[in-house]
Protein backbone atom coordinates (compact mmCIF):
# COMPACT_ATOMS: atom_id res chain seq x y z
CA MET A 1 71.84 -41.20 137.90
CA SER A 2 71.29 -37.44 137.90
CA ALA A 3 72.59 -35.08 140.55
CA GLN A 4 70.27 -33.93 143.29
CA LEU A 5 69.12 -30.42 142.43
CA PRO A 6 68.48 -27.82 145.13
CA THR A 7 64.95 -26.83 145.97
CA PRO A 8 63.94 -23.83 143.88
CA ASP A 9 63.34 -20.80 146.06
CA PHE A 10 63.80 -17.04 146.04
CA GLN A 11 67.29 -17.07 147.54
CA LEU A 12 68.50 -19.53 144.91
CA LEU A 13 67.12 -17.28 142.17
CA ALA A 14 68.76 -14.17 143.66
CA SER A 15 72.00 -16.09 144.25
CA THR A 16 72.12 -17.02 140.57
CA PHE A 17 72.21 -13.35 139.53
CA ALA A 18 74.57 -12.46 142.39
CA THR A 19 76.98 -15.21 141.32
CA GLN A 20 76.91 -13.95 137.73
CA ALA A 21 77.74 -10.47 139.00
CA ALA A 22 80.53 -11.78 141.24
CA VAL A 23 82.10 -13.70 138.34
CA SER A 24 81.88 -10.59 136.14
CA LEU A 25 83.50 -8.52 138.89
CA GLY A 26 86.43 -10.94 139.06
CA GLN A 27 85.54 -12.15 142.56
CA MET A 28 85.21 -15.75 141.38
CA ASP A 29 86.71 -17.79 138.57
CA ASN A 30 84.77 -17.80 135.33
CA PRO A 31 83.45 -21.39 135.15
CA VAL A 32 84.23 -21.57 131.41
CA THR A 33 87.72 -20.05 131.30
CA LYS A 34 88.71 -20.97 134.88
CA LYS A 35 90.18 -17.46 135.20
CA ARG A 36 89.19 -14.37 137.14
CA GLU A 37 88.04 -11.77 134.66
CA VAL A 38 86.41 -8.37 135.01
CA ASP A 39 83.55 -7.44 132.70
CA LEU A 40 81.87 -4.38 134.16
CA SER A 41 79.05 -4.28 131.63
CA GLN A 42 78.08 -7.87 132.45
CA ALA A 43 78.38 -7.14 136.16
CA LYS A 44 76.13 -4.10 135.84
CA PHE A 45 73.58 -6.15 133.90
CA ALA A 46 73.43 -8.81 136.63
CA ILE A 47 73.18 -6.15 139.36
CA ASP A 48 70.43 -4.41 137.40
CA LEU A 49 68.54 -7.71 137.16
CA LEU A 50 68.75 -8.04 140.94
CA GLU A 51 67.39 -4.51 141.27
CA VAL A 52 64.45 -5.39 138.98
CA LEU A 53 63.81 -8.45 141.12
CA GLN A 54 63.91 -6.28 144.25
CA LYS A 55 61.45 -3.74 142.83
CA LYS A 56 59.04 -6.33 141.45
CA THR A 57 58.95 -8.33 144.69
CA ALA A 58 58.72 -5.35 147.07
CA GLY A 59 56.23 -6.12 149.81
CA ASN A 60 56.05 -9.81 148.88
CA LEU A 61 59.21 -11.16 150.49
CA ASP A 62 59.67 -12.39 154.01
CA SER A 63 62.22 -10.50 156.11
CA GLU A 64 64.97 -13.08 155.52
CA GLU A 65 64.55 -12.93 151.73
CA GLU A 66 64.41 -9.14 151.76
CA GLN A 67 67.56 -8.88 153.89
CA PHE A 68 69.38 -11.42 151.71
CA LEU A 69 68.60 -9.48 148.54
CA GLU A 70 69.50 -6.13 150.09
CA GLN A 71 72.83 -7.51 151.36
CA CYS A 72 73.67 -9.01 147.96
CA LEU A 73 72.96 -5.73 146.21
CA TYR A 74 74.89 -3.70 148.77
CA GLN A 75 78.03 -5.85 148.51
CA LEU A 76 77.92 -6.09 144.72
CA ARG A 77 77.41 -2.34 144.31
CA LEU A 78 80.43 -1.61 146.52
CA VAL A 79 82.67 -3.90 144.49
CA TYR A 80 81.27 -2.53 141.22
CA ILE A 81 81.96 1.07 142.28
CA ASP A 82 85.49 0.13 143.38
CA LYS A 83 86.27 -1.71 140.14
CA SER A 84 84.76 1.10 138.05
CA ALA A 85 86.85 3.72 139.82
CA LYS A 86 90.04 1.72 139.24
CA ARG A 87 89.30 1.49 135.51
CA LYS A 88 89.23 5.26 135.04
């Protein structure tokens, strides 16, 4: 018996990229290594993908989706800037 998969929707798609960024920023355990690791280039890539998604969907999202994406980007950018500054 296979596991019940979530319904595909915009927030799930955005959450996928946000989770990848969070793992790369060391906010969550890497599911493969089970350790918290920081990989700023991978984090930037995932954040950049979210930005592409934001630009390409501009004007086509409902207010909840738009707010969700904006909040994800805001939080991830803050952590990315903080981690980048600490690496210098």
